[in-house]
Protein backbone atom coordinates (compact mmCIF):
# COMPACT_ATOMS: atom_id res chain seq x y z
CA UNK A 1 -106.04 -0.08 115.59
CA UNK A 2 -107.70 1.07 112.42
CA UNK A 3 -107.95 4.81 111.83
CA UNK A 4 -111.42 4.43 110.29
CA UNK A 5 -113.76 2.19 112.24
CA UNK A 6 -117.16 0.85 111.20
CA UNK A 7 -118.76 3.79 113.00
CA UNK A 8 -116.67 6.24 110.92
CA UNK A 9 -117.70 4.57 107.68
CA UNK A 10 -121.32 4.58 108.81
CA UNK A 11 -121.19 8.32 109.62
CA UNK A 12 -119.49 8.99 106.28
CA UNK A 13 -122.36 7.32 104.40
CA UNK A 14 -124.92 9.25 106.46
CA UNK A 15 -123.22 12.58 105.73
CA UNK A 16 -122.32 12.09 102.07
CA UNK A 17 -125.71 11.75 100.39
CA UNK A 18 -127.46 14.66 102.18
CA UNK A 19 -124.39 16.81 101.56
CA UNK A 20 -124.40 16.14 97.82
CA UNK A 21 -128.18 16.55 97.62
CA UNK A 22 -128.12 19.90 99.44
CA UNK A 23 -125.23 21.09 97.29
CA UNK A 24 -127.10 20.30 94.06
CA UNK A 25 -130.37 21.79 95.31
CA UNK A 26 -128.74 24.97 96.65
CA UNK A 27 -126.71 25.54 93.48
CA UNK A 28 -129.78 24.90 91.32
CA UNK A 29 -131.95 27.33 93.28
CA UNK A 30 -129.27 30.01 93.09
CA UNK A 31 -129.03 29.52 89.31
CA UNK A 32 -132.74 29.43 88.47
CA UNK A 33 -133.41 33.14 88.97
CA UNK A 34 -130.22 34.11 87.18
CA UNK A 35 -131.02 31.74 84.30
CA UNK A 36 -134.41 33.37 83.71
CA UNK A 37 -132.86 36.84 83.66
CA UNK A 38 -130.11 35.66 81.30
CA UNK A 39 -132.65 34.17 78.89
CA UNK A 40 -134.51 37.49 78.85
CA UNK A 41 -131.28 39.44 78.35
CA UNK A 42 -129.99 37.20 75.55
CA UNK A 43 -133.33 37.20 73.74
CA UNK A 44 -133.44 41.01 73.95
CA UNK A 45 -129.93 41.28 72.52
CA UNK A 46 -130.79 38.71 69.84
CA UNK A 47 -127.97 36.35 70.76
CA UNK A 48 -127.81 32.55 70.46
CA UNK A 49 -129.39 30.50 73.23
CA UNK A 50 -126.17 28.54 73.78
CA UNK A 51 -124.51 31.63 75.28
CA UNK A 52 -126.95 31.43 78.23
CA UNK A 53 -125.52 28.07 79.28
CA UNK A 54 -121.95 29.32 78.81
CA UNK A 55 -122.67 32.28 81.08
CA UNK A 56 -124.32 30.02 83.66
CA UNK A 57 -121.30 27.70 83.59
CA UNK A 58 -119.07 30.67 84.41
CA UNK A 59 -121.34 31.59 87.32
CA UNK A 60 -121.22 28.09 88.82
CA UNK A 61 -117.97 28.67 90.81
CA UNK A 62 -119.53 31.72 92.48
CA UNK A 63 -122.61 29.75 93.51
CA UNK A 64 -120.52 26.73 94.54
CA UNK A 65 -118.57 28.84 97.05
CA UNK A 66 -121.83 29.28 99.01
CA UNK A 67 -123.40 25.89 98.24
CA UNK A 68 -120.35 23.92 99.47
CA UNK A 69 -120.43 25.13 103.11
CA UNK A 70 -124.22 24.94 103.16
CA UNK A 71 -124.15 21.37 101.84
CA UNK A 72 -121.45 20.28 104.30
CA UNK A 73 -123.22 21.75 107.31
CA UNK A 74 -126.65 20.33 106.45
CA UNK A 75 -125.12 16.97 105.55
CA UNK A 76 -123.49 16.66 108.98
CA UNK A 77 -126.55 18.09 110.74
CA UNK A 78 -129.02 15.71 109.11
CA UNK A 79 -126.72 12.73 109.70
CA UNK A 80 -126.36 13.42 113.43
CA UNK A 81 -130.03 14.30 113.72
CA UNK A 82 -130.89 10.88 112.31
CA UNK A 83 -128.52 9.25 114.82
CA UNK A 84 -130.09 11.22 117.66
CA UNK A 85 -133.69 10.51 116.66
CA UNK A 86 -133.03 6.76 116.34
CA UNK A 87 -131.12 6.66 119.68
CA UNK A 88 -128.01 5.38 117.86
CA UNK A 89 -126.14 8.44 119.10
CA UNK A 90 -126.86 7.46 122.72
CA UNK A 91 -125.52 3.97 122.04
CA UNK A 92 -122.32 5.32 120.48
CA UNK A 93 -121.73 7.64 123.41
CA UNK A 94 -122.48 4.84 125.87
CA UNK A 95 -119.64 2.74 124.42
CA UNK A 96 -117.18 5.61 124.93
CA UNK A 97 -117.33 7.55 121.65
CA UNK A 98 -117.39 11.28 122.41
CA UNK A 99 -118.81 13.93 120.11
CA UNK A 100 -115.27 14.97 119.18
CA UNK A 101 -114.38 11.39 118.24
CA UNK A 102 -117.56 11.03 116.19
CA UNK A 103 -116.63 14.19 114.29
CA UNK A 104 -113.39 12.70 112.93
CA UNK A 105 -114.84 11.94 109.49
CA UNK A 106 -116.88 15.19 109.24
CA UNK A 107 -113.72 17.16 110.08
CA UNK A 108 -111.77 15.37 107.35
CA UNK A 109 -114.58 16.12 104.93
CA UNK A 110 -114.52 19.76 106.08
CA UNK A 111 -110.78 19.92 105.37
CA UNK A 112 -111.38 18.55 101.88
CA UNK A 113 -114.26 20.98 101.24
CA UNK A 114 -112.14 23.89 102.52
CA UNK A 115 -109.31 22.94 100.14
CA UNK A 116 -111.77 22.70 97.22
CA UNK A 117 -113.35 26.02 98.15
CA UNK A 118 -109.91 27.65 98.38
CA UNK A 119 -109.15 26.54 94.83
CA UNK A 120 -112.55 27.79 93.67
CA UNK A 121 -112.44 31.25 95.27
CA UNK A 122 -108.69 31.64 94.75
CA UNK A 123 -108.31 30.55 91.15
CA UNK A 124 -111.41 29.21 89.39
CA UNK A 125 -113.91 31.91 90.36
CA UNK A 126 -111.76 34.91 89.28
CA UNK A 127 -111.14 33.38 85.85
CA UNK A 128 -114.78 32.36 85.43
CA UNK A 129 -115.92 35.85 86.39
CA UNK A 130 -113.67 37.37 83.71
CA UNK A 131 -115.01 35.01 81.03
CA UNK A 132 -118.57 35.83 82.11
CA UNK A 133 -117.86 39.55 81.66
CA UNK A 134 -116.30 38.80 78.27
CA UNK A 135 -119.39 36.92 77.09
CA UNK A 136 -121.59 39.75 78.33
CA UNK A 137 -119.46 42.27 76.41
CA UNK A 138 -119.46 40.25 73.21
CA UNK A 139 -123.21 39.79 73.42
CA UNK A 140 -123.82 43.51 73.82
CA UNK A 141 -121.46 44.47 71.00
CA UNK A 142 -122.68 41.84 68.54
CA UNK A 143 -119.52 39.77 68.46
CA UNK A 144 -121.62 36.63 68.95
CA UNK A 145 -123.69 37.25 65.86
CA UNK A 146 -126.33 39.26 67.65
CA UNK A 147 -125.93 42.58 65.83
CA UNK A 148 -128.73 41.88 63.31
CA UNK A 149 -132.04 41.85 65.17
CA UNK A 150 -135.05 40.24 63.53
CA UNK A 151 -138.08 42.49 63.05
CA UNK A 152 -136.16 45.74 63.64
CA UNK A 153 -134.26 48.22 61.47
CA UNK A 154 -130.50 47.77 61.89
CA UNK A 155 -128.08 50.52 60.87
CA UNK A 156 -124.69 49.38 59.56
CA UNK A 157 -121.85 51.91 59.16
CA UNK A 158 -124.34 54.78 58.68
CA UNK A 159 -124.84 53.86 55.02
CA UNK A 160 -127.19 50.92 55.19
CA UNK A 161 -130.46 50.15 56.94
CA UNK A 162 -131.43 46.49 57.03
CA UNK A 163 -134.61 44.80 58.21
CA UNK A 164 -135.31 41.07 58.31
CA UNK A 165 -138.82 39.77 58.98
CA UNK A 166 -138.02 36.16 59.89
CA UNK A 167 -134.99 33.99 60.60
CA UNK A 168 -134.98 30.20 60.31
CA UNK A 169 -132.44 27.42 60.85
CA UNK A 170 -130.33 29.52 63.25
CA UNK A 171 -130.00 32.37 60.79
CA UNK A 172 -129.14 30.28 57.70
CA UNK A 173 -132.44 31.20 56.00
CA UNK A 174 -133.76 34.78 56.09
CA UNK A 175 -137.24 35.80 54.92
CA UNK A 176 -138.77 39.21 54.13
CA UNK A 177 -135.64 41.31 53.61
CA UNK A 178 -135.56 45.07 53.07
CA UNK A 179 -132.38 47.12 52.68
CA UNK A 180 -131.76 50.80 51.98
CA UNK A 181 -128.23 51.62 50.84
CA UNK A 182 -126.74 55.08 50.31
CA UNK A 183 -123.85 55.06 47.83
CA UNK A 184 -120.86 57.41 47.97
CA UNK A 185 -122.21 59.42 44.98
CA UNK A 186 -125.52 60.04 46.77
CA UNK A 187 -127.48 57.37 44.90
CA UNK A 188 -130.02 55.53 47.07
CA UNK A 189 -130.87 51.86 46.53
CA UNK A 190 -134.05 50.40 48.04
CA UNK A 191 -133.86 46.60 47.90
CA UNK A 192 -136.54 44.09 48.83
CA UNK A 193 -136.26 40.33 48.54
CA UNK A 194 -138.31 37.28 49.44
CA UNK A 195 -135.44 35.36 50.98
CA UNK A 196 -131.67 35.52 51.51
CA UNK A 197 -128.68 34.21 53.41
CA UNK A 198 -125.32 35.47 54.66
CA UNK A 199 -122.12 34.20 53.05
CA UNK A 200 -118.61 34.74 54.39
CA UNK A 201 -115.76 35.87 52.15
CA UNK A 202 -112.62 33.79 52.43
CA UNK A 203 -109.74 35.88 53.80
CA UNK A 204 -111.96 38.94 54.40
CA UNK A 205 -113.35 39.31 57.91
CA UNK A 206 -114.59 42.88 57.42
CA UNK A 207 -117.21 42.14 54.75
CA UNK A 208 -119.94 39.55 54.30
CA UNK A 209 -122.21 38.88 51.34
CA UNK A 210 -125.98 38.92 51.72
CA UNK A 211 -127.23 36.77 48.82
CA UNK A 212 -130.80 37.82 47.98
CA UNK A 213 -133.33 35.77 46.00
CA UNK A 214 -136.50 36.89 44.18
CA UNK A 215 -136.64 40.63 44.72
CA UNK A 216 -136.55 44.16 43.34
CA UNK A 217 -134.12 47.07 43.40
CA UNK A 218 -135.34 50.66 43.22
CA UNK A 219 -132.49 52.96 42.09
CA UNK A 220 -132.91 56.64 42.95
CA UNK A 221 -130.05 58.60 41.33
CA UNK A 222 -129.73 62.27 42.29
CA UNK A 223 -132.01 64.40 40.12
CA UNK A 224 -133.09 61.47 37.92
CA UNK A 225 -136.21 59.33 37.69
CA UNK A 226 -136.08 56.20 39.88
CA UNK A 227 -135.68 52.87 38.07
CA UNK A 228 -137.09 49.52 39.16
CA UNK A 229 -135.12 46.33 38.48
CA UNK A 230 -136.18 42.79 39.24
CA UNK A 231 -133.70 40.02 40.02
CA UNK A 232 -133.67 36.33 40.75
CA UNK A 233 -130.31 36.46 42.60
CA UNK A 234 -128.37 39.48 43.83
CA UNK A 235 -125.27 39.66 46.05
CA UNK A 236 -125.22 42.63 48.41
CA UNK A 237 -121.86 43.29 50.14
CA UNK A 238 -122.19 44.41 53.75
CA UNK A 239 -119.31 46.08 55.60
CA UNK A 240 -119.15 44.85 59.17
CA UNK A 241 -118.56 47.36 61.96
CA UNK A 242 -115.22 47.11 63.71
CA UNK A 243 -115.62 45.19 66.97
CA UNK A 244 -114.06 46.67 70.05
CA UNK A 245 -111.68 44.29 71.80
CA UNK A 246 -112.52 43.21 75.31
CA UNK A 247 -110.26 44.47 78.07
CA UNK A 248 -107.52 42.36 79.59
CA UNK A 249 -108.16 40.50 82.79
CA UNK A 250 -107.57 42.59 85.88
CA UNK A 251 -108.56 46.03 87.02
CA UNK A 252 -111.24 44.46 89.23
CA UNK A 253 -110.32 42.71 92.45
CA UNK A 254 -112.81 39.89 91.76
CA UNK A 255 -110.77 38.84 88.70
CA UNK A 256 -107.42 38.49 90.48
CA UNK A 257 -106.21 35.06 91.58
CA UNK A 258 -104.62 34.69 95.03
CA UNK A 259 -100.95 35.23 94.00
CA UNK A 260 -101.96 38.41 92.16
CA UNK A 261 -103.87 39.66 95.22
CA UNK A 262 -100.82 39.06 97.41
CA UNK A 263 -98.54 40.81 94.93
CA UNK A 264 -100.74 43.90 94.56
CA UNK A 265 -101.62 44.12 98.26
CA UNK A 266 -98.00 44.33 99.39
CA UNK A 267 -96.46 46.02 96.34
CA UNK A 268 -94.95 49.40 97.18
CA UNK A 269 -95.88 50.69 93.74
CA UNK A 270 -99.62 50.08 94.23
CA UNK A 271 -101.86 52.93 95.32
CA UNK A 272 -103.41 52.92 98.79
CA UNK A 273 -106.88 52.50 97.31
CA UNK A 274 -105.82 49.45 95.28
CA UNK A 275 -104.15 47.94 98.33
CA UNK A 276 -107.26 48.45 100.45
CA UNK A 277 -109.58 46.91 97.84
CA UNK A 278 -107.28 43.95 97.23
CA UNK A 279 -106.75 43.25 100.93
CA UNK A 280 -110.52 43.35 101.50
CA UNK A 281 -111.03 40.79 98.73
CA UNK A 282 -108.20 38.59 100.02
CA UNK A 283 -109.48 38.56 103.60
CA UNK A 284 -113.02 37.90 102.41
CA UNK A 285 -111.96 34.82 100.45
CA UNK A 286 -109.81 33.46 103.27
CA UNK A 287 -112.38 33.97 106.01
CA UNK A 288 -115.04 32.20 103.94
CA UNK A 289 -112.72 29.20 103.56
CA UNK A 290 -111.63 29.04 107.21
CA UNK A 291 -115.23 29.17 108.45
CA UNK A 292 -115.88 25.81 106.76
CA UNK A 293 -113.71 24.16 109.42
CA UNK A 294 -116.12 25.35 112.14
CA UNK A 295 -119.26 24.04 110.45
CA UNK A 296 -119.10 20.42 111.79
CA UNK A 297 -119.18 21.81 115.34
CA UNK A 298 -122.14 24.04 114.52
CA UNK A 299 -123.96 21.21 112.77
CA UNK A 300 -123.67 18.82 115.71
CA UNK A 301 -124.64 21.51 118.21
CA UNK A 302 -127.85 22.16 116.29
CA UNK A 303 -128.56 18.57 115.25
CA UNK A 304 -129.32 17.02 118.64
CA UNK A 305 -132.82 18.02 119.80
CA UNK A 306 -133.88 17.94 123.47
CA UNK A 307 -134.97 14.58 124.88
CA UNK A 308 -138.50 13.53 123.95
CA UNK A 309 -138.54 16.18 121.23
CA UNK A 310 -138.53 15.84 117.44
CA UNK A 311 -138.24 19.56 116.72
CA UNK A 312 -136.39 20.51 113.53
CA UNK A 313 -135.68 24.07 114.69
CA UNK A 314 -131.95 23.43 114.48
CA UNK A 315 -132.14 22.93 110.70
CA UNK A 316 -133.81 26.31 110.25
CA UNK A 317 -131.40 28.07 112.64
CA UNK A 318 -128.35 26.58 110.89
CA UNK A 319 -129.41 27.85 107.46
CA UNK A 320 -130.16 31.30 108.87
CA UNK A 321 -126.79 31.47 110.64
CA UNK A 322 -124.72 30.44 107.62
CA UNK A 323 -126.51 32.74 105.17
CA UNK A 324 -126.47 35.64 107.65
CA UNK A 325 -122.74 35.18 108.27
CA UNK A 326 -122.12 35.15 104.51
CA UNK A 327 -124.03 38.43 104.15
CA UNK A 328 -122.11 39.97 107.08
CA UNK A 329 -118.86 39.10 105.29
CA UNK A 330 -120.10 40.68 102.07
CA UNK A 331 -121.03 43.84 103.96
CA UNK A 332 -117.67 43.86 105.74
CA UNK A 333 -115.86 43.59 102.42
CA UNK A 334 -117.88 46.47 100.95
CA UNK A 335 -117.18 48.72 103.95
CA UNK A 336 -113.48 47.80 103.94
CA UNK A 337 -113.17 48.59 100.21
CA UNK A 338 -114.43 52.11 100.94
CA UNK A 339 -111.60 52.56 103.45
CA UNK A 340 -113.93 53.10 106.42
CA UNK A 341 -112.42 50.24 108.40
CA UNK A 342 -109.36 48.03 108.24
CA UNK A 343 -110.07 44.92 106.10
CA UNK A 344 -108.65 42.61 108.78
CA UNK A 345 -110.96 43.99 111.45
CA UNK A 346 -113.99 44.12 109.14
CA UNK A 347 -113.78 40.42 108.27
CA UNK A 348 -111.92 38.61 111.05
CA UNK A 349 -113.75 40.18 114.01
CA UNK A 350 -117.14 38.78 112.82
CA UNK A 351 -115.37 35.46 112.27
CA UNK A 352 -114.02 35.50 115.84
CA UNK A 353 -117.49 36.29 117.23
CA UNK A 354 -119.14 33.59 115.12
CA UNK A 355 -116.44 31.03 116.00
CA UNK A 356 -116.77 31.84 119.72
CA UNK A 357 -120.54 31.36 119.48
CA UNK A 358 -120.07 28.00 117.77
CA UNK A 359 -117.47 26.95 120.34
CA UNK A 360 -119.84 27.78 123.20
CA UNK A 361 -122.72 25.90 121.56
CA UNK A 362 -120.57 22.80 121.01
CA UNK A 363 -119.13 22.93 124.54
CA UNK A 364 -122.63 23.20 126.00
CA UNK A 365 -123.77 20.12 124.10
CA UNK A 366 -120.66 17.97 124.51
CA UNK A 367 -119.42 18.79 128.04
CA UNK A 368 -122.31 20.27 130.03
CA UNK A 369 -124.56 17.51 131.48
CA UNK A 370 -127.99 17.86 129.92
CA UNK A 371 -126.80 20.93 128.00
CA UNK A 372 -128.86 22.09 125.06
CA UNK A 373 -127.40 25.05 123.06
CA UNK A 374 -130.74 26.16 121.63
CA UNK A 375 -132.90 24.96 124.50
CA UNK A 376 -134.27 28.47 125.07
CA UNK A 377 -135.20 28.75 121.39
CA UNK A 378 -136.80 25.31 121.51
CA UNK A 379 -138.92 26.31 124.50
CA UNK A 380 -139.86 29.60 122.87
CA UNK A 381 -140.82 27.84 119.63
CA UNK A 382 -142.89 25.27 121.54
CA UNK A 383 -144.68 28.00 123.52
CA UNK A 384 -145.30 30.01 120.36
CA UNK A 385 -146.65 26.94 118.57
CA UNK A 386 -149.04 26.15 121.40
CA UNK A 387 -150.23 29.78 121.48
CA UNK A 388 -150.88 29.76 117.74
CA UNK A 389 -152.73 26.44 118.02
CA UNK A 390 -154.96 27.78 120.83
CA UNK A 391 -155.68 30.94 118.84
CA UNK A 392 -156.65 28.93 115.76
CA UNK A 393 -158.86 26.62 117.84
CA UNK A 394 -160.53 29.61 119.47
CA UNK A 395 -161.15 31.23 116.08
CA UNK A 396 -162.59 28.00 114.69
CA UNK A 397 -164.86 27.65 117.73
CA UNK A 398 -166.12 31.22 117.34
CA UNK A 399 -166.88 30.65 113.67
CA UNK A 400 -168.71 27.41 114.48
CA UNK A 401 -170.74 29.16 117.18
CA UNK A 402 -171.65 32.02 114.82
CA UNK A 403 -172.78 29.59 112.12
CA UNK A 404 -174.83 27.61 114.67
CA UNK A 405 -176.53 30.84 115.85
CA UNK A 406 -177.41 31.80 112.27
CA UNK A 407 -178.84 28.33 111.66
CA UNK A 408 -181.04 28.50 114.80
CA UNK A 409 -182.24 31.98 113.86
């Protein structure tokens, strides 16, 4: 007997495409708002546009950890909803295939997604988060070439003020340059030039040359009359400020990989606060991964509408439940980090409640004759819809009557 039958392959095809589509859409929506804020931040700091996409790439693992379970659940839900609406599900059950048997492929896919998510939250996401913080630091400190802002006065080492009107070709051509330099002997140089460009000195990373073209230098020696000199080309050395090095990875629980969390959490030399924070992060990551294994049951329980009904309430309820559970876990982690509650209780008790709810919903659908887990919600939604329709009809009739009365008058 083959392990994968034609029905399994058919269900796999039905689940795969919606799952991938939901994953891409969810990740894209999560990134859009962040992308706009990053563009604004980078433009304010004067950094290169390419750094926005590097920062977004380092945020992808964080968004994927939420998009993966959402994509899996909606993929399974939409697949079984299609089977139920086309009566194919009734045919499969009539030939002896139970809900549990039909969930063989979705469960295997859930195992694969859980393994992928474990790698993401356990290893990829901590490293990506550290590199994101590093890019943010380098952007703020000017290590990415963002220390010279166009259209503003920039102070370099307290001895030079520099202003550049325009920048072209990614900074290779500068227009409208003004510099004011204070020498060690108190002499002040005011330099203006039509154009210029930065040149690096080989073997010297602390100084760059600003080569100016077509300009003037006003020398103002102490106690002497200022002199004006014109030049066609002038090289102005600029001392670069020393860049602070970014911190080493660690110090924040979000940047530790799983082996490091285990080591710190049970190390006798770690402080109680560090242990509490690390254990909260560890339990949060694990509970998010384990919950993925329950999602096929939830998806099927919400996918099958009542007979003679085409309501899509289950899709809405599933999204609300997954997002709400994710937020409950985030809150539980925050409370546990403060030491107000044991991390195990804060994160695994909500999991137990949520898993019990899913188990009841699936049992009601699969083993209770005529059982419908969200039947009460379906009836409430239908009643509410009818009430809203009657109210709108009544309002429209009143408006029509008022207009008819005005016309007769």
